[in-house]
Amino acid sequence: MEKRVIGIDVGGTNLRGALVGPDGKIINRMKVASDADQGIEAVIDNLVRLIKNIGGGEDVSAVGFGIPGIIDFKAGIITQAPNICNVNNYPIRENLRARLGDAVPVIIENDANCAAVGEWWMGAGKDVGSLVIITLGTGVGGGIVLDGKLWRGADGMGGEVGHMTIYPDGAKCNCGNYGCLESYSSATAIRRMVKEVLSDSSSQTALGELVEDEDPGRIPEAVMKAALEGDRAALGIWEQFGTALGIGMASLVNILNVEMIVIGGGVSQAWEMFIDRVLAELKRRALRAPAERVKVMKSVLGDDEGIIGAAYLALNVGKEL
């Protein structure tokens, strides 16, 4: 029987997993609540149940997990996980093995790193050797693949592109710094910019009506709608968003000279609102040769990129990646 693995994307709200074959095709998929607000032990209980249900009696050779936060890949420890309560140097691999048995290897990786591997293996970057993925969601995540190998960095924190400083005296970021890319090109940043617009009594905009009583997670969608209708304030927000992203991408291109930058995450659905500004800023600021070489692509795998990347790492357990 061909080798099959399970790839899981661990989110603050849901756990999404799939049984995946060696060709990268999803055989079976499931989603359950993560209960992350109840703490890590509740998440572990749900993970074990999800794994057993997805496997369905199949001979699973390994399980890969993509988890938001700072991951010690070699030790199998979650150093920090902002979306899961009560996590501080938690030995997740050891505890999962205690529940699943030692026969099934467990691979733990940062979720954006898994997304990078997924897009490189089966997505937008399957024909290139090097890429950076930038995930635009509540925050800004990133992952780097160089010459077919995942770049984790000395402490497993490589690829934190969201915390590049774009404007030294800019808006405060959740990390405590000022002017980070995440402060300008994320859903959180869009909500901040909307508040600033609405606090300006001289601003003429329909944003107030559009975001009133709106779920915070849907505010970027409302700003996109307003921009499509020609609202100047909304268009200005997307211009700020795209300018900051382009500045950050120019630095990545100059430093890494990668073949491709993939943009994913929920806010990437507003692609047409910001991509022209991004490309203009990239061309203006990056060195000519690497700027001409790099391809900027929207994620092909979408929400599956992390699952597919985690599955790839599980399929190649024991190899240098």
C-alpha atoms as a PDB file:
ATOM      1  CA  MET A   1       0.000   0.000   0.000  1.00  0.00           C
ATOM      2  CA  GLU A   2       1.247   3.491  -0.843  1.00  0.00           C
ATOM      3  CA  LYS A   3       2.501   5.724   1.944  1.00  0.00           C
ATOM      4  CA  ARG A   4      -0.185   7.978   3.430  1.00  0.00           C
ATOM      5  CA  VAL A   5       0.136  10.729   6.001  1.00  0.00           C
ATOM      6  CA  ILE A   6      -2.061  13.229   7.816  1.00  0.00           C
ATOM      7  CA  GLY A   7      -1.506  16.966   7.533  1.00  0.00           C
ATOM      8  CA  ILE A   8      -3.202  19.304  10.027  1.00  0.00           C
ATOM      9  CA  ASP A   9      -3.552  23.073  10.196  1.00  0.00           C
ATOM     10  CA  VAL A  10      -4.042  24.161  13.812  1.00  0.00           C
ATOM     11  CA  GLY A  11      -6.051  27.387  14.067  1.00  0.00           C
ATOM     12  CA  GLY A  12      -7.388  29.417  16.932  1.00  0.00           C
ATOM     13  CA  THR A  13     -10.953  28.466  15.961  1.00  0.00           C
ATOM     14  CA  ASN A  14     -10.718  25.232  13.968  1.00  0.00           C
ATOM     15  CA  LEU A  15      -8.478  22.257  13.383  1.00  0.00           C
ATOM     16  CA  ARG A  16      -8.444  21.307   9.695  1.00  0.00           C
ATOM     17  CA  GLY A  17      -6.853  18.074   8.619  1.00  0.00           C
ATOM     18  CA  ALA A  18      -6.562  15.696   5.709  1.00  0.00           C
ATOM     19  CA  LEU A  19      -5.316  12.250   4.783  1.00  0.00           C
ATOM     20  CA  VAL A  20      -2.824  12.843   1.965  1.00  0.00           C
ATOM     21  CA  GLY A  21      -1.118  10.494  -0.470  1.00  0.00           C
ATOM     22  CA  PRO A  22       2.474  10.694  -1.778  1.00  0.00           C
ATOM     23  CA  ASP A  23       1.224  12.548  -4.854  1.00  0.00           C
ATOM     24  CA  GLY A  24      -0.069  15.401  -2.688  1.00  0.00           C
ATOM     25  CA  LYS A  25      -3.713  14.537  -3.360  1.00  0.00           C
ATOM     26  CA  ILE A  26      -6.184  14.811  -0.487  1.00  0.00           C
ATOM     27  CA  ILE A  27      -7.977  11.514   0.148  1.00  0.00           C
ATOM     28  CA  ASN A  28     -10.145  12.507   3.094  1.00  0.00           C
ATOM     29  CA  ARG A  29     -10.583  15.742   5.024  1.00  0.00           C
ATOM     30  CA  MET A  30     -12.227  16.883   8.260  1.00  0.00           C
ATOM     31  CA  LYS A  31     -12.634  20.001  10.382  1.00  0.00           C
ATOM     32  CA  VAL A  32     -13.411  20.273  14.097  1.00  0.00           C
ATOM     33  CA  ALA A  33     -13.397  23.071  16.663  1.00  0.00           C
ATOM     34  CA  SER A  34      -9.988  23.628  18.240  1.00  0.00           C
ATOM     35  CA  ASP A  35     -11.272  24.928  21.619  1.00  0.00           C
ATOM     36  CA  ALA A  36      -8.015  26.897  21.808  1.00  0.00           C
ATOM     37  CA  ASP A  37      -9.571  29.312  24.300  1.00  0.00           C
ATOM     38  CA  GLN A  38      -9.822  26.403  26.760  1.00  0.00           C
ATOM     39  CA  GLY A  39      -6.091  25.765  26.698  1.00  0.00           C
ATOM     40  CA  ILE A  40      -3.589  23.449  25.066  1.00  0.00           C
ATOM     41  CA  GLU A  41      -4.852  20.241  26.674  1.00  0.00           C
ATOM     42  CA  ALA A  42      -8.279  20.758  25.086  1.00  0.00           C
ATOM     43  CA  VAL A  43      -6.549  21.269  21.738  1.00  0.00           C
ATOM     44  CA  ILE A  44      -4.568  18.034  22.204  1.00  0.00           C
ATOM     45  CA  ASP A  45      -7.774  16.086  22.956  1.00  0.00           C
ATOM     46  CA  ASN A  46      -9.366  17.435  19.767  1.00  0.00           C
ATOM     47  CA  LEU A  47      -6.243  16.729  17.707  1.00  0.00           C
ATOM     48  CA  VAL A  48      -6.116  13.101  18.812  1.00  0.00           C
ATOM     49  CA  ARG A  49      -9.795  12.642  17.996  1.00  0.00           C
ATOM     50  CA  LEU A  50      -9.353  14.318  14.600  1.00  0.00           C
ATOM     51  CA  ILE A  51      -6.359  12.142  13.697  1.00  0.00           C
ATOM     52  CA  LYS A  52      -8.185   8.939  14.554  1.00  0.00           C
ATOM     53  CA  ASN A  53     -11.267   9.970  12.586  1.00  0.00           C
ATOM     54  CA  ILE A  54      -9.366  11.102   9.497  1.00  0.00           C
ATOM     55  CA  GLY A  55      -7.237   7.955   9.437  1.00  0.00           C
ATOM     56  CA  GLY A  56     -10.312   5.759   9.485  1.00  0.00           C
ATOM     57  CA  GLY A  57      -8.307   2.572   9.904  1.00  0.00           C
ATOM     58  CA  GLU A  58      -5.749   3.522   7.237  1.00  0.00           C
ATOM     59  CA  ASP A  59      -2.058   2.761   7.812  1.00  0.00           C
ATOM     60  CA  VAL A  60      -0.797   6.295   8.476  1.00  0.00           C
ATOM     61  CA  SER A  61       2.990   6.608   8.351  1.00  0.00           C
ATOM     62  CA  ALA A  62       3.339  10.067   9.974  1.00  0.00           C
ATOM     63  CA  VAL A  63       1.418  13.162  11.066  1.00  0.00           C
ATOM     64  CA  GLY A  64       2.446  16.738  10.328  1.00  0.00           C
ATOM     65  CA  PHE A  65       1.130  19.826  12.152  1.00  0.00           C
ATOM     66  CA  GLY A  66       1.253  23.491  11.167  1.00  0.00           C
ATOM     67  CA  ILE A  67       0.816  25.694  14.242  1.00  0.00           C
ATOM     68  CA  PRO A  68       0.788  29.507  14.457  1.00  0.00           C
ATOM     69  CA  GLY A  69       3.489  30.647  16.824  1.00  0.00           C
ATOM     70  CA  ILE A  70       7.147  30.096  17.570  1.00  0.00           C
ATOM     71  CA  ILE A  71       8.066  26.452  17.104  1.00  0.00           C
ATOM     72  CA  ASP A  72      11.224  24.607  18.116  1.00  0.00           C
ATOM     73  CA  PHE A  73      11.146  22.122  15.236  1.00  0.00           C
ATOM     74  CA  LYS A  74      13.954  19.885  16.459  1.00  0.00           C
ATOM     75  CA  ALA A  75      12.653  19.598  20.027  1.00  0.00           C
ATOM     76  CA  GLY A  76       8.980  19.438  19.062  1.00  0.00           C
ATOM     77  CA  ILE A  77       8.109  22.295  21.429  1.00  0.00           C
ATOM     78  CA  ILE A  78       5.673  25.189  21.034  1.00  0.00           C
ATOM     79  CA  THR A  79       7.641  28.088  22.513  1.00  0.00           C
ATOM     80  CA  GLN A  80       4.774  30.555  22.082  1.00  0.00           C
ATOM     81  CA  ALA A  81       1.341  30.315  20.454  1.00  0.00           C
ATOM     82  CA  PRO A  82      -0.723  33.508  20.601  1.00  0.00           C
ATOM     83  CA  ASN A  83      -3.969  31.794  19.602  1.00  0.00           C
ATOM     84  CA  ILE A  84      -3.824  29.006  22.224  1.00  0.00           C
ATOM     85  CA  CYS A  85      -4.238  29.658  25.929  1.00  0.00           C
ATOM     86  CA  ASN A  86      -1.637  28.546  28.474  1.00  0.00           C
ATOM     87  CA  VAL A  87       1.204  27.758  26.063  1.00  0.00           C
ATOM     88  CA  ASN A  88       4.789  28.342  27.161  1.00  0.00           C
ATOM     89  CA  ASN A  89       7.476  25.896  26.013  1.00  0.00           C
ATOM     90  CA  TYR A  90       4.871  23.161  25.642  1.00  0.00           C
ATOM     91  CA  PRO A  91       6.270  19.732  24.589  1.00  0.00           C
ATOM     92  CA  ILE A  92       3.555  18.977  22.050  1.00  0.00           C
ATOM     93  CA  ARG A  93       5.387  16.217  20.170  1.00  0.00           C
ATOM     94  CA  GLU A  94       6.116  14.285  23.358  1.00  0.00           C
ATOM     95  CA  ASN A  95       2.512  14.586  24.569  1.00  0.00           C
ATOM     96  CA  LEU A  96       1.026  13.612  21.205  1.00  0.00           C
ATOM     97  CA  ARG A  97       3.297  10.556  21.029  1.00  0.00           C
ATOM     98  CA  ALA A  98       2.084   9.539  24.478  1.00  0.00           C
ATOM     99  CA  ARG A  99      -1.487   9.577  23.111  1.00  0.00           C
ATOM    100  CA  LEU A 100      -0.846   8.217  19.613  1.00  0.00           C
ATOM    101  CA  GLY A 101       2.021   5.805  20.255  1.00  0.00           C
ATOM    102  CA  ASP A 102       5.669   5.931  19.218  1.00  0.00           C
ATOM    103  CA  ALA A 103       5.046   4.057  15.969  1.00  0.00           C
ATOM    104  CA  VAL A 104       3.733   7.185  14.210  1.00  0.00           C
ATOM    105  CA  PRO A 105       6.280  10.021  13.825  1.00  0.00           C
ATOM    106  CA  VAL A 106       4.964  13.494  14.677  1.00  0.00           C
ATOM    107  CA  ILE A 107       6.262  16.591  12.848  1.00  0.00           C
ATOM    108  CA  ILE A 108       5.628  20.059  14.328  1.00  0.00           C
ATOM    109  CA  GLU A 109       6.170  23.195  12.254  1.00  0.00           C
ATOM    110  CA  ASN A 110       5.145  26.853  12.106  1.00  0.00           C
ATOM    111  CA  ASP A 111       1.968  27.278  10.036  1.00  0.00           C
ATOM    112  CA  ALA A 112       3.429  29.832   7.610  1.00  0.00           C
ATOM    113  CA  ASN A 113       6.418  27.544   7.005  1.00  0.00           C
ATOM    114  CA  CYS A 114       3.964  24.774   6.151  1.00  0.00           C
ATOM    115  CA  ALA A 115       2.150  27.141   3.780  1.00  0.00           C
ATOM    116  CA  ALA A 116       5.466  27.932   2.047  1.00  0.00           C
ATOM    117  CA  VAL A 117       6.260  24.239   1.627  1.00  0.00           C
ATOM    118  CA  GLY A 118       2.736  23.503   0.398  1.00  0.00           C
ATOM    119  CA  GLU A 119       2.850  26.178  -2.313  1.00  0.00           C
ATOM    120  CA  TRP A 120       6.369  25.115  -3.323  1.00  0.00           C
ATOM    121  CA  TRP A 121       5.401  21.430  -3.563  1.00  0.00           C
ATOM    122  CA  MET A 122       1.917  21.505  -5.086  1.00  0.00           C
ATOM    123  CA  GLY A 123       0.919  25.135  -5.588  1.00  0.00           C
ATOM    124  CA  ALA A 124       2.036  28.317  -7.292  1.00  0.00           C
ATOM    125  CA  GLY A 125       5.731  27.534  -6.801  1.00  0.00           C
ATOM    126  CA  LYS A 126       5.862  23.880  -7.849  1.00  0.00           C
ATOM    127  CA  ASP A 127       8.181  24.719 -10.757  1.00  0.00           C
ATOM    128  CA  VAL A 128      10.624  26.940  -8.844  1.00  0.00           C
ATOM    129  CA  GLY A 129      13.451  26.231  -6.430  1.00  0.00           C
ATOM    130  CA  SER A 130      13.086  29.251  -4.159  1.00  0.00           C
ATOM    131  CA  LEU A 131      10.153  31.296  -2.920  1.00  0.00           C
ATOM    132  CA  VAL A 132       8.814  33.393  -0.080  1.00  0.00           C
ATOM    133  CA  ILE A 133       5.195  33.180   0.991  1.00  0.00           C
ATOM    134  CA  ILE A 134       3.525  36.133   2.700  1.00  0.00           C
ATOM    135  CA  THR A 135       0.277  35.276   4.463  1.00  0.00           C
ATOM    136  CA  LEU A 136      -2.071  38.208   4.962  1.00  0.00           C
ATOM    137  CA  GLY A 137      -4.568  37.557   7.722  1.00  0.00           C
ATOM    138  CA  THR A 138      -5.149  38.956  11.206  1.00  0.00           C
ATOM    139  CA  GLY A 139      -1.383  39.437  11.157  1.00  0.00           C
ATOM    140  CA  VAL A 140       1.296  38.891   8.520  1.00  0.00           C
ATOM    141  CA  GLY A 141       3.171  35.607   8.433  1.00  0.00           C
ATOM    142  CA  GLY A 142       5.900  34.326   6.163  1.00  0.00           C
ATOM    143  CA  GLY A 143       7.855  31.281   5.121  1.00  0.00           C
ATOM    144  CA  ILE A 144      10.967  30.826   2.996  1.00  0.00           C
ATOM    145  CA  VAL A 145      12.055  27.944   0.756  1.00  0.00           C
ATOM    146  CA  LEU A 146      15.599  28.246  -0.642  1.00  0.00           C
ATOM    147  CA  ASP A 147      16.920  25.748  -3.183  1.00  0.00           C
ATOM    148  CA  GLY A 148      14.160  23.326  -2.248  1.00  0.00           C
ATOM    149  CA  LYS A 149      14.846  23.528   1.494  1.00  0.00           C
ATOM    150  CA  LEU A 150      12.771  25.214   4.177  1.00  0.00           C
ATOM    151  CA  TRP A 151      14.684  28.015   5.895  1.00  0.00           C
ATOM    152  CA  ARG A 152      13.869  27.921   9.619  1.00  0.00           C
ATOM    153  CA  GLY A 153      16.707  30.061  10.959  1.00  0.00           C
ATOM    154  CA  ALA A 154      18.944  29.403  13.952  1.00  0.00           C
ATOM    155  CA  ASP A 155      16.038  29.497  16.422  1.00  0.00           C
ATOM    156  CA  GLY A 156      13.168  28.327  14.242  1.00  0.00           C
ATOM    157  CA  MET A 157      12.001  31.911  13.750  1.00  0.00           C
ATOM    158  CA  GLY A 158      13.120  32.456  10.152  1.00  0.00           C
ATOM    159  CA  GLY A 159      10.542  33.987   7.818  1.00  0.00           C
ATOM    160  CA  GLU A 160       8.908  36.422  10.260  1.00  0.00           C
ATOM    161  CA  VAL A 161       8.389  38.927   7.458  1.00  0.00           C
ATOM    162  CA  GLY A 162       5.482  40.608   9.244  1.00  0.00           C
ATOM    163  CA  HIS A 163       7.931  42.217  11.650  1.00  0.00           C
ATOM    164  CA  MET A 164      10.191  43.897   9.148  1.00  0.00           C
ATOM    165  CA  THR A 165      10.264  47.611   9.956  1.00  0.00           C
ATOM    166  CA  ILE A 166       8.667  49.531   7.096  1.00  0.00           C
ATOM    167  CA  TYR A 167       8.226  52.940   8.746  1.00  0.00           C
ATOM    168  CA  PRO A 168      10.524  53.501  11.777  1.00  0.00           C
ATOM    169  CA  ASP A 169       8.104  55.972  13.386  1.00  0.00           C
ATOM    170  CA  GLY A 170       4.949  54.207  12.220  1.00  0.00           C
ATOM    171  CA  ALA A 171       1.973  52.658  13.956  1.00  0.00           C
ATOM    172  CA  LYS A 172       2.537  50.404  16.941  1.00  0.00           C
ATOM    173  CA  CYS A 173       2.506  46.674  16.208  1.00  0.00           C
ATOM    174  CA  ASN A 174       1.180  43.921  18.462  1.00  0.00           C
ATOM    175  CA  CYS A 175       4.786  42.743  18.861  1.00  0.00           C
ATOM    176  CA  GLY A 176       5.567  46.025  20.673  1.00  0.00           C
ATOM    177  CA  ASN A 177       7.637  47.527  17.874  1.00  0.00           C
ATOM    178  CA  TYR A 178       6.607  50.406  15.613  1.00  0.00           C
ATOM    179  CA  GLY A 179       6.059  50.488  11.868  1.00  0.00           C
ATOM    180  CA  CYS A 180       6.120  46.752  11.190  1.00  0.00           C
ATOM    181  CA  LEU A 181       4.717  45.412   7.926  1.00  0.00           C
ATOM    182  CA  GLU A 182       1.973  43.779  10.005  1.00  0.00           C
ATOM    183  CA  SER A 183       0.941  47.251  11.180  1.00  0.00           C
ATOM    184  CA  TYR A 184       0.044  48.223   7.603  1.00  0.00           C
ATOM    185  CA  SER A 185      -0.748  45.117   5.542  1.00  0.00           C
ATOM    186  CA  SER A 186      -3.022  42.946   7.685  1.00  0.00           C
ATOM    187  CA  ALA A 187      -6.673  42.747   8.694  1.00  0.00           C
ATOM    188  CA  THR A 188      -5.711  44.299  12.024  1.00  0.00           C
ATOM    189  CA  ALA A 189      -4.065  47.186  10.178  1.00  0.00           C
ATOM    190  CA  ILE A 190      -7.142  47.737   8.016  1.00  0.00           C
ATOM    191  CA  ARG A 191      -9.343  47.951  11.117  1.00  0.00           C
ATOM    192  CA  ARG A 192      -6.946  50.502  12.626  1.00  0.00           C
ATOM    193  CA  MET A 193      -6.948  52.609   9.462  1.00  0.00           C
ATOM    194  CA  VAL A 194     -10.759  52.525   9.297  1.00  0.00           C
ATOM    195  CA  LYS A 195     -10.945  53.850  12.869  1.00  0.00           C
ATOM    196  CA  GLU A 196      -8.535  56.636  11.979  1.00  0.00           C
ATOM    197  CA  VAL A 197     -10.618  57.619   8.958  1.00  0.00           C
ATOM    198  CA  LEU A 198     -13.849  57.624  10.952  1.00  0.00           C
ATOM    199  CA  SER A 199     -12.293  59.707  13.732  1.00  0.00           C
ATOM    200  CA  ASP A 200     -11.514  62.441  11.201  1.00  0.00           C
ATOM    201  CA  SER A 201     -14.607  64.640  11.095  1.00  0.00           C
ATOM    202  CA  SER A 202     -13.538  66.138   7.762  1.00  0.00           C
ATOM    203  CA  SER A 203     -13.448  62.756   6.028  1.00  0.00           C
ATOM    204  CA  GLN A 204     -16.328  62.048   3.666  1.00  0.00           C
ATOM    205  CA  THR A 205     -16.744  58.298   3.438  1.00  0.00           C
ATOM    206  CA  ALA A 206     -19.358  55.556   3.436  1.00  0.00           C
ATOM    207  CA  LEU A 207     -17.158  53.338   5.591  1.00  0.00           C
ATOM    208  CA  GLY A 208     -19.038  54.186   8.790  1.00  0.00           C
ATOM    209  CA  GLU A 209     -22.265  52.716   7.433  1.00  0.00           C
ATOM    210  CA  LEU A 210     -20.512  49.706   5.931  1.00  0.00           C
ATOM    211  CA  VAL A 211     -18.570  48.652   9.046  1.00  0.00           C
ATOM    212  CA  GLU A 212     -21.255  49.490  11.610  1.00  0.00           C
ATOM    213  CA  ASP A 213     -22.238  46.323  13.501  1.00  0.00           C
ATOM    214  CA  GLU A 214     -19.951  44.362  11.158  1.00  0.00           C
ATOM    215  CA  ASP A 215     -18.035  41.330  12.400  1.00  0.00           C
ATOM    216  CA  PRO A 216     -14.420  42.569  12.826  1.00  0.00           C
ATOM    217  CA  GLY A 217     -13.217  39.708  10.652  1.00  0.00           C
ATOM    218  CA  ARG A 218     -15.306  40.994   7.741  1.00  0.00           C
ATOM    219  CA  ILE A 219     -14.191  44.623   7.866  1.00  0.00           C
ATOM    220  CA  PRO A 220     -11.547  44.155   5.108  1.00  0.00           C
ATOM    221  CA  GLU A 221     -14.339  42.866   2.883  1.00  0.00           C
ATOM    222  CA  ALA A 222     -16.399  45.980   3.651  1.00  0.00           C
ATOM    223  CA  VAL A 223     -13.426  48.215   2.841  1.00  0.00           C
ATOM    224  CA  MET A 224     -12.998  46.336  -0.435  1.00  0.00           C
ATOM    225  CA  LYS A 225     -16.660  46.911  -1.284  1.00  0.00           C
ATOM    226  CA  ALA A 226     -16.349  50.627  -0.533  1.00  0.00           C
ATOM    227  CA  ALA A 227     -13.211  50.887  -2.688  1.00  0.00           C
ATOM    228  CA  LEU A 228     -14.950  49.183  -5.607  1.00  0.00           C
ATOM    229  CA  GLU A 229     -17.688  51.804  -5.302  1.00  0.00           C
ATOM    230  CA  GLY A 230     -15.071  54.560  -5.535  1.00  0.00           C
ATOM    231  CA  ASP A 231     -14.936  55.603  -1.874  1.00  0.00           C
ATOM    232  CA  ARG A 232     -11.779  57.736  -1.624  1.00  0.00           C
ATOM    233  CA  ALA A 233     -11.029  56.860   2.003  1.00  0.00           C
ATOM    234  CA  ALA A 234     -11.290  53.133   1.259  1.00  0.00           C
ATOM    235  CA  LEU A 235      -9.075  53.498  -1.808  1.00  0.00           C
ATOM    236  CA  GLY A 236      -6.565  55.337   0.382  1.00  0.00           C
ATOM    237  CA  ILE A 237      -6.508  52.478   2.882  1.00  0.00           C
ATOM    238  CA  TRP A 238      -5.718  49.942   0.164  1.00  0.00           C
ATOM    239  CA  GLU A 239      -3.028  52.258  -1.211  1.00  0.00           C
ATOM    240  CA  GLN A 240      -1.340  52.366   2.218  1.00  0.00           C
ATOM    241  CA  PHE A 241      -1.722  48.592   2.479  1.00  0.00           C
ATOM    242  CA  GLY A 242      -0.139  47.972  -0.935  1.00  0.00           C
ATOM    243  CA  THR A 243       2.648  50.528  -0.515  1.00  0.00           C
ATOM    244  CA  ALA A 244       3.849  48.965   2.737  1.00  0.00           C
ATOM    245  CA  LEU A 245       3.636  45.453   1.278  1.00  0.00           C
ATOM    246  CA  GLY A 246       5.599  46.527  -1.796  1.00  0.00           C
ATOM    247  CA  ILE A 247       8.325  48.107   0.344  1.00  0.00           C
ATOM    248  CA  GLY A 248       8.647  44.912   2.362  1.00  0.00           C
ATOM    249  CA  MET A 249       8.698  42.735  -0.733  1.00  0.00           C
ATOM    250  CA  ALA A 250      11.416  44.874  -2.331  1.00  0.00           C
ATOM    251  CA  SER A 251      13.642  44.220   0.686  1.00  0.00           C
ATOM    252  CA  LEU A 252      12.981  40.477   0.455  1.00  0.00           C
ATOM    253  CA  VAL A 253      13.801  40.463  -3.247  1.00  0.00           C
ATOM    254  CA  ASN A 254      17.040  42.407  -2.708  1.00  0.00           C
ATOM    255  CA  ILE A 255      18.176  40.176   0.159  1.00  0.00           C
ATOM    256  CA  LEU A 256      17.077  36.733  -1.048  1.00  0.00           C
ATOM    257  CA  ASN A 257      16.827  37.046  -4.862  1.00  0.00           C
ATOM    258  CA  VAL A 258      14.055  34.407  -4.846  1.00  0.00           C
ATOM    259  CA  GLU A 259      12.261  33.275  -7.977  1.00  0.00           C
ATOM    260  CA  MET A 260       8.773  33.852  -6.602  1.00  0.00           C
ATOM    261  CA  ILE A 261       6.775  35.587  -3.899  1.00  0.00           C
ATOM    262  CA  VAL A 262       3.406  33.981  -3.148  1.00  0.00           C
ATOM    263  CA  ILE A 263       0.714  36.000  -1.392  1.00  0.00           C
ATOM    264  CA  GLY A 264      -1.846  34.023   0.593  1.00  0.00           C
ATOM    265  CA  GLY A 265      -4.102  34.362   3.619  1.00  0.00           C
ATOM    266  CA  GLY A 266      -7.659  35.609   3.899  1.00  0.00           C
ATOM    267  CA  VAL A 267      -6.927  39.233   2.993  1.00  0.00           C
ATOM    268  CA  SER A 268      -5.344  38.113  -0.295  1.00  0.00           C
ATOM    269  CA  GLN A 269      -8.920  37.810  -1.562  1.00  0.00           C
ATOM    270  CA  ALA A 270      -8.746  41.595  -2.004  1.00  0.00           C
ATOM    271  CA  TRP A 271      -5.869  41.055  -4.479  1.00  0.00           C
ATOM    272  CA  GLU A 272      -7.103  43.533  -7.093  1.00  0.00           C
ATOM    273  CA  MET A 273      -7.334  46.268  -4.456  1.00  0.00           C
ATOM    274  CA  PHE A 274      -3.620  46.324  -3.664  1.00  0.00           C
ATOM    275  CA  ILE A 275      -1.545  44.360  -6.201  1.00  0.00           C
ATOM    276  CA  ASP A 276      -0.921  47.233  -8.659  1.00  0.00           C
ATOM    277  CA  ARG A 277       0.423  49.405  -5.836  1.00  0.00           C
ATOM    278  CA  VAL A 278       2.547  46.490  -4.584  1.00  0.00           C
ATOM    279  CA  LEU A 279       4.130  45.857  -7.982  1.00  0.00           C
ATOM    280  CA  ALA A 280       4.799  49.547  -8.582  1.00  0.00           C
ATOM    281  CA  GLU A 281       6.546  49.896  -5.216  1.00  0.00           C
ATOM    282  CA  LEU A 282       8.492  46.677  -5.748  1.00  0.00           C
ATOM    283  CA  LYS A 283       9.723  47.845  -9.152  1.00  0.00           C
ATOM    284  CA  ARG A 284      10.643  51.268  -7.784  1.00  0.00           C
ATOM    285  CA  ARG A 285      12.623  50.027  -4.780  1.00  0.00           C
ATOM    286  CA  ALA A 286      14.149  46.654  -5.670  1.00  0.00           C
ATOM    287  CA  LEU A 287      17.337  46.177  -7.660  1.00  0.00           C
ATOM    288  CA  ARG A 288      16.545  45.823 -11.356  1.00  0.00           C
ATOM    289  CA  ALA A 289      17.754  42.265 -12.046  1.00  0.00           C
ATOM    290  CA  PRO A 290      16.094  40.484  -9.080  1.00  0.00           C
ATOM    291  CA  ALA A 291      12.957  42.614  -9.515  1.00  0.00           C
ATOM    292  CA  GLU A 292      12.657  41.535 -13.136  1.00  0.00           C
ATOM    293  CA  ARG A 293      13.222  37.898 -12.268  1.00  0.00           C
ATOM    294  CA  VAL A 294      10.791  37.516  -9.372  1.00  0.00           C
ATOM    295  CA  LYS A 295       7.222  36.407 -10.065  1.00  0.00           C
ATOM    296  CA  VAL A 296       4.504  37.628  -7.710  1.00  0.00           C
ATOM    297  CA  MET A 297       1.673  35.122  -7.504  1.00  0.00           C
ATOM    298  CA  LYS A 298      -1.527  34.652  -5.566  1.00  0.00           C
ATOM    299  CA  SER A 299      -1.749  31.421  -3.578  1.00  0.00           C
ATOM    300  CA  VAL A 300      -3.048  28.497  -5.633  1.00  0.00           C
ATOM    301  CA  LEU A 301      -3.833  26.163  -2.738  1.00  0.00           C
ATOM    302  CA  GLY A 302      -5.709  28.707  -0.605  1.00  0.00           C
ATOM    303  CA  ASP A 303      -6.746  27.295   2.765  1.00  0.00           C
ATOM    304  CA  ASP A 304      -5.155  23.930   1.916  1.00  0.00           C
ATOM    305  CA  GLU A 305      -1.597  25.241   1.625  1.00  0.00           C
ATOM    306  CA  GLY A 306      -0.761  24.612   5.287  1.00  0.00           C
ATOM    307  CA  ILE A 307      -2.304  21.130   5.276  1.00  0.00           C
ATOM    308  CA  ILE A 308      -0.412  20.151   2.115  1.00  0.00           C
ATOM    309  CA  GLY A 309       2.850  21.557   3.479  1.00  0.00           C
ATOM    310  CA  ALA A 310       2.457  19.694   6.779  1.00  0.00           C
ATOM    311  CA  ALA A 311       1.743  16.514   4.826  1.00  0.00           C
ATOM    312  CA  TYR A 312       4.902  16.988   2.739  1.00  0.00           C
ATOM    313  CA  LEU A 313       7.006  17.292   5.890  1.00  0.00           C
ATOM    314  CA  ALA A 314       5.349  14.145   7.253  1.00  0.00           C
ATOM    315  CA  LEU A 315       5.996  12.246   4.007  1.00  0.00           C
ATOM    316  CA  ASN A 316       9.670  13.224   4.191  1.00  0.00           C
ATOM    317  CA  VAL A 317      10.210  12.667   7.898  1.00  0.00           C
ATOM    318  CA  GLY A 318      13.864  12.077   8.679  1.00  0.00           C
ATOM    319  CA  LYS A 319      15.106  13.911   5.600  1.00  0.00           C
ATOM    320  CA  GLU A 320      16.859  17.278   5.569  1.00  0.00           C
ATOM    321  CA  LEU A 321      14.233  19.859   4.577  1.00  0.00           C
END
